[in-house]
Amino acid sequence: MTAADTAGRTPTAAVVTGADSGIGRAVAVRLAAQGMDVGITWHTDEVGAERTAAEVRGHGRRAVVARLDLTDLPKAADVIDSMADDLGRIDVLVNNAGTGTSTPFLDLTLDTVREVLDVDLVGPFLCSQRAARRMVAQGGGGRIVNVTSVHEHQPRVGAAPYCAAKGGLGLLTQVMALELAEHGITVNAVAPGEIATPMTGQEDQDVRRTPRPGVPVGRPGDAREVAAVIAFLASEEASYVTGASWAVDGGMLRMGPMAGSHLEDDAWRRP
C-alpha cells in the first residue's frame, strides 16, 4: 500500500494538548472554525480548558475536555485513546503541551531535566504513537503537528533541557514523517518565537504595541498567527508537506534567539 492509497479524507476530529490557553486555545478554535470536533487537554487550568471548549462549541463543533499530566508516563498517553473514542476517530494531533526552565546549566537538578524531557519530548512521542496507531487502523491518513520552538534550531542560555527536548522533538518529527508517510500521515513541526501567551506573561495583549527591537518585524507574535500555520498543516491543502519545521518567529532565527529577545534598540538595522 502506498501513501496515495491512504490519503484523501477531510479531517473531522482533532486533539490539541495544552489547549487551555495561548497557542493551544487558538489552535483548537481555529480547527473548530475549519469544521473539526476537538479534544482539549489541560494540566492545571480546567477553567481555561472549559473556556476553550465553549469557543469550539460556538463554532457548532463538539468539544471534549480531559486532564493530561505528561509527567505521569506512560499512563498519560491513555488520554489520546479515550478522546479518540469520545470523538469517534482522530484525524489530527497537535502536540502543544510543554514546559521549560530558566536555570543555569551548572545548577540543574536531574529531576528538573527529567520533567522537561518527559513533558516536551517523551510525552509527545507517546501521544503521537497512540494517535498514529489509531490513524493507521481507521484509514484515511492523518496529520501530526509538533509545536517545538525556535530553540529547536538555536540555543538559549538557561534552557538546556528545554533546548535538548525541542531539538529532539524536531528530529523525532523528521523520523516520524519518514515512517508514517506510507500510511498517508504527515508530520511537521511548528517552531514559534516569542508569542504573546501566559508563558510569556502577555496573553491578550496587543502585540503591535509591544516593541521588540531585536525581532525583524519589531514585535512579538500573536497566538492566532501560530494557529493559522498549524491549521494549514492540519488541512488537506498541506497533503504534500511533511518532515518540515515551520518557524513562526517574525524573523527571530535570522537574528539568533538571544539577540532577538535582548537587543534594546534598532541600531542593527543600519549598516
Protein backbone atom coordinates (compact mmCIF):
# COMPACT_ATOMS: atom_id res chain seq x y z
CA MET A 1 0.00 0.00 0.00
CA THR A 2 1.25 3.48 -0.86
CA ALA A 3 0.62 6.82 0.78
CA ALA A 4 -1.59 7.74 -2.16
CA ASP A 5 -3.83 4.79 -1.32
CA THR A 6 -4.45 6.04 2.22
CA ALA A 7 -4.76 9.80 1.76
CA GLY A 8 -7.68 11.99 0.81
CA ARG A 9 -10.04 12.18 3.81
CA THR A 10 -11.03 15.60 5.07
CA PRO A 11 -10.07 15.84 8.78
CA THR A 12 -13.08 15.89 11.11
CA ALA A 13 -11.62 15.25 14.59
CA ALA A 14 -8.54 16.72 16.27
CA VAL A 15 -6.86 16.55 19.67
CA VAL A 16 -4.88 19.57 20.86
CA THR A 17 -2.82 19.14 24.02
CA GLY A 18 -2.36 22.08 26.35
CA ALA A 19 -5.37 23.85 24.84
CA ASP A 20 -6.47 25.67 27.98
CA SER A 21 -4.79 28.93 26.88
CA GLY A 22 -2.34 30.56 24.50
CA ILE A 23 -1.32 28.76 21.33
CA GLY A 24 -3.30 25.63 22.21
CA ARG A 25 -6.53 27.55 22.66
CA ALA A 26 -6.00 29.47 19.42
CA VAL A 27 -5.35 26.22 17.55
CA ALA A 28 -8.41 24.47 18.96
CA VAL A 29 -10.67 27.36 17.99
CA ARG A 30 -9.13 27.66 14.52
CA LEU A 31 -9.58 23.93 13.83
CA ALA A 32 -13.19 24.13 15.01
CA ALA A 33 -13.73 27.01 12.58
CA GLN A 34 -12.40 24.67 9.86
CA GLY A 35 -15.07 22.11 10.72
CA MET A 36 -13.35 19.81 13.21
CA ASP A 37 -14.54 18.42 16.52
CA VAL A 38 -11.79 18.99 19.08
CA GLY A 39 -10.37 17.19 22.09
CA ILE A 40 -8.90 19.68 24.55
CA THR A 41 -6.41 18.77 27.25
CA TRP A 42 -5.32 20.78 30.26
CA HIS A 43 -2.85 20.29 33.10
CA THR A 44 -3.54 22.96 35.75
CA ASP A 45 -6.22 25.23 34.27
CA GLU A 46 -9.50 23.36 33.93
CA VAL A 47 -11.46 26.62 33.81
CA GLY A 48 -9.36 27.77 30.86
CA ALA A 49 -9.97 24.47 29.09
CA GLU A 50 -13.72 24.87 29.52
CA ARG A 51 -13.48 28.37 28.04
CA THR A 52 -11.74 26.88 25.02
CA ALA A 53 -14.43 24.22 24.77
CA ALA A 54 -17.12 26.89 24.82
CA GLU A 55 -15.42 28.68 21.90
CA VAL A 56 -15.20 25.40 19.96
CA ARG A 57 -18.90 24.75 20.55
CA GLY A 58 -19.60 28.30 19.45
CA HIS A 59 -18.45 27.18 16.01
CA GLY A 60 -21.01 24.38 16.07
CA ARG A 61 -18.46 21.64 16.76
CA ARG A 62 -18.16 19.08 19.53
CA ALA A 63 -15.60 19.56 22.29
CA VAL A 64 -14.35 17.05 24.83
CA VAL A 65 -12.11 18.03 27.74
CA ALA A 66 -9.66 15.94 29.77
CA ARG A 67 -6.70 16.46 32.09
CA LEU A 68 -3.28 15.44 30.76
CA ASP A 69 -0.23 15.20 33.01
CA LEU A 70 2.77 14.36 30.85
CA THR A 71 4.94 13.72 33.90
CA ASP A 72 2.80 10.62 34.51
CA LEU A 73 4.13 8.46 31.72
CA PRO A 74 3.27 6.20 30.01
CA LYS A 75 -0.23 6.32 31.53
CA ALA A 76 -0.85 9.91 30.45
CA ALA A 77 -0.98 8.87 26.79
CA ASP A 78 -4.18 6.93 27.52
CA VAL A 79 -5.95 10.28 27.15
CA ILE A 80 -5.35 10.19 23.39
CA ASP A 81 -7.19 6.89 23.08
CA SER A 82 -10.06 7.96 25.32
CA MET A 83 -10.52 11.20 23.37
CA ALA A 84 -10.41 9.33 20.07
CA ASP A 85 -13.16 7.08 21.43
CA ASP A 86 -15.24 10.07 22.51
CA LEU A 87 -14.79 11.85 19.18
CA GLY A 88 -15.29 8.70 17.13
CA ARG A 89 -11.87 8.95 15.46
CA ILE A 90 -8.73 11.10 15.40
CA ASP A 91 -7.50 12.77 12.22
CA VAL A 92 -5.22 15.43 13.69
CA LEU A 93 -2.96 15.54 16.74
CA VAL A 94 -1.31 18.77 17.80
CA ASN A 95 1.34 18.21 20.48
CA ASN A 96 1.30 21.65 22.07
CA ALA A 97 1.59 20.99 25.82
CA GLY A 98 5.00 21.93 27.13
CA THR A 99 7.10 23.27 29.96
CA GLY A 100 10.50 24.86 30.42
CA THR A 101 13.04 26.19 32.87
CA SER A 102 15.31 29.17 33.28
CA THR A 103 18.14 27.60 35.23
CA PRO A 104 21.89 27.78 34.62
CA PHE A 105 23.34 24.51 33.38
CA LEU A 106 25.53 24.06 36.46
CA ASP A 107 22.52 24.44 38.78
CA LEU A 108 20.15 22.00 37.07
CA THR A 109 18.86 19.01 39.02
CA LEU A 110 18.19 15.64 37.46
CA ASP A 111 14.53 15.86 38.49
CA THR A 112 14.11 19.12 36.57
CA VAL A 113 15.82 17.72 33.49
CA ARG A 114 13.66 14.60 33.54
CA GLU A 115 10.46 16.60 33.97
CA VAL A 116 11.19 18.87 31.00
CA LEU A 117 12.25 15.96 28.79
CA ASP A 118 9.14 13.96 29.72
CA VAL A 119 6.72 16.80 29.04
CA ASP A 120 8.41 18.21 25.93
CA LEU A 121 9.78 15.08 24.23
CA VAL A 122 8.79 11.70 25.67
CA GLY A 123 5.17 12.75 26.16
CA PRO A 124 4.73 13.91 22.55
CA PHE A 125 6.44 10.70 21.39
CA LEU A 126 3.94 8.52 23.26
CA CYS A 127 0.90 10.64 22.35
CA SER A 128 1.93 10.58 18.68
CA GLN A 129 2.37 6.83 18.80
CA ARG A 130 -1.15 6.36 20.15
CA ALA A 131 -2.64 8.77 17.62
CA ALA A 132 -0.73 7.29 14.66
CA ARG A 133 -1.82 3.76 15.54
CA ARG A 134 -5.42 4.96 15.52
CA MET A 135 -4.96 6.78 12.22
CA VAL A 136 -3.46 3.68 10.59
CA ALA A 137 -6.26 1.46 11.88
CA GLN A 138 -9.09 3.75 10.82
CA GLY A 139 -7.59 4.56 7.39
CA GLY A 140 -7.63 7.82 5.51
CA GLY A 141 -4.27 9.16 6.70
CA GLY A 142 -3.83 11.89 9.26
CA ARG A 143 -1.88 14.90 10.46
CA ILE A 144 0.51 15.27 13.40
CA VAL A 145 1.91 18.69 14.25
CA ASN A 146 4.55 19.06 16.96
CA VAL A 147 4.87 22.52 18.50
CA THR A 148 8.58 22.96 19.13
CA SER A 149 10.24 26.38 19.41
CA VAL A 150 12.90 28.48 17.74
CA HIS A 151 15.03 26.63 20.29
CA GLU A 152 14.55 23.51 18.21
CA HIS A 153 17.10 25.21 15.97
CA GLN A 154 19.17 27.55 18.15
CA PRO A 155 20.11 27.54 21.84
CA ARG A 156 19.19 29.81 24.72
CA VAL A 157 21.11 30.46 27.93
CA GLY A 158 19.42 28.87 30.94
CA ALA A 159 17.28 26.49 28.91
CA ALA A 160 19.45 23.40 28.49
CA PRO A 161 16.77 20.71 28.98
CA TYR A 162 14.19 22.71 27.03
CA CYS A 163 16.53 23.14 24.07
CA ALA A 164 17.53 19.47 24.23
CA ALA A 165 13.89 18.39 24.27
CA LYS A 166 12.77 20.70 21.48
CA GLY A 167 15.77 19.79 19.33
CA GLY A 168 14.97 16.13 19.92
CA LEU A 169 11.31 16.68 19.06
CA GLY A 170 12.39 18.31 15.81
CA LEU A 171 14.39 15.26 14.76
CA LEU A 172 11.66 12.93 16.03
CA THR A 173 9.30 14.81 13.72
CA GLN A 174 11.53 14.01 10.76
CA VAL A 175 11.77 10.29 11.60
CA MET A 176 8.02 10.06 12.11
CA ALA A 177 7.47 11.78 8.77
CA LEU A 178 9.60 9.18 7.01
CA GLU A 179 8.00 6.20 8.68
CA LEU A 180 4.36 7.31 8.63
CA ALA A 181 4.24 8.65 5.07
CA GLU A 182 3.24 5.27 3.66
CA HIS A 183 0.10 5.46 5.81
CA GLY A 184 -0.87 8.89 4.47
CA ILE A 185 0.12 10.57 7.75
CA THR A 186 2.10 13.78 7.51
CA VAL A 187 4.20 15.01 10.42
CA ASN A 188 5.52 18.54 10.75
CA ALA A 189 6.90 20.84 13.42
CA VAL A 190 5.95 24.45 14.08
CA ALA A 191 8.65 26.46 15.83
CA PRO A 192 7.28 29.63 17.45
CA GLY A 193 9.42 32.54 18.56
CA GLU A 194 8.19 34.90 21.27
CA ILE A 195 4.41 34.63 21.24
CA ALA A 196 2.06 36.62 23.50
CA THR A 197 0.82 33.81 25.79
CA PRO A 198 0.56 33.15 29.54
CA MET A 199 4.03 31.55 29.37
CA THR A 200 5.48 34.94 28.46
CA GLY A 201 3.06 36.91 30.64
CA GLN A 202 1.44 38.59 27.63
CA GLU A 203 -1.83 36.84 26.87
CA ASP A 204 -4.48 39.11 25.33
CA GLN A 205 -2.01 41.96 24.85
CA ASP A 206 -1.97 43.96 21.62
CA VAL A 207 1.30 42.67 20.18
CA ARG A 208 1.52 45.68 17.87
CA ARG A 209 2.13 47.86 20.93
CA THR A 210 4.95 45.74 22.36
CA PRO A 211 8.28 46.76 20.80
CA ARG A 212 10.93 44.11 20.15
CA PRO A 213 13.92 45.81 18.52
CA GLY A 214 15.76 42.52 18.11
CA VAL A 215 12.97 40.89 16.08
CA PRO A 216 12.91 41.97 12.42
CA VAL A 217 9.14 42.54 12.36
CA GLY A 218 9.56 44.55 15.58
CA ARG A 219 7.03 42.83 17.84
CA PRO A 220 6.07 39.53 19.47
CA GLY A 221 3.70 37.17 17.71
CA ASP A 222 0.03 36.56 18.38
CA ALA A 223 -1.08 33.01 19.20
CA ARG A 224 -3.55 33.17 16.31
CA GLU A 225 -0.66 33.68 13.89
CA VAL A 226 0.82 30.37 15.03
CA ALA A 227 -2.60 28.71 14.88
CA ALA A 228 -3.01 29.75 11.25
CA VAL A 229 0.14 27.86 10.26
CA ILE A 230 -0.83 24.79 12.30
CA ALA A 231 -4.32 24.84 10.78
CA PHE A 232 -2.80 24.82 7.31
CA LEU A 233 -0.58 21.86 8.17
CA ALA A 234 -3.62 20.05 9.59
CA SER A 235 -5.61 20.55 6.40
CA GLU A 236 -5.86 18.67 3.13
CA GLU A 237 -4.13 21.60 1.42
CA ALA A 238 -0.90 20.52 3.14
CA SER A 239 -1.05 16.94 1.86
CA TYR A 240 2.40 17.21 0.22
CA VAL A 241 4.12 18.83 3.20
CA THR A 242 5.86 16.55 5.68
CA GLY A 243 9.05 16.40 7.74
CA ALA A 244 9.42 20.19 7.80
CA SER A 245 9.88 22.68 10.61
CA TRP A 246 7.95 25.91 10.15
CA ALA A 247 9.37 28.87 12.07
CA VAL A 248 6.73 31.39 13.15
CA ASP A 249 9.04 33.92 14.73
CA GLY A 250 8.93 37.26 12.96
CA GLY A 251 12.42 36.57 11.63
CA MET A 252 13.96 35.94 15.07
CA LEU A 253 16.00 32.97 13.88
CA ARG A 254 17.73 35.17 11.34
CA MET A 255 18.98 37.26 14.29
CA GLY A 256 19.56 34.45 16.76
CA PRO A 257 17.06 34.00 19.61
CA MET A 258 19.34 35.60 22.19
CA ALA A 259 19.68 38.75 20.10
CA GLY A 260 16.01 38.62 19.19
CA SER A 261 14.94 38.91 22.81
CA HIS A 262 17.80 41.01 24.25
CA LEU A 263 18.62 43.78 21.77
CA GLU A 264 17.34 47.10 23.12
CA ASP A 265 17.48 49.34 20.06
CA ASP A 266 17.32 49.30 16.26
CA ALA A 267 20.98 50.09 15.61
CA TRP A 268 21.44 46.69 13.95
CA ARG A 269 19.14 47.78 11.12
CA ARG A 270 21.73 50.24 9.80
CA PRO A 271 24.94 49.12 8.02
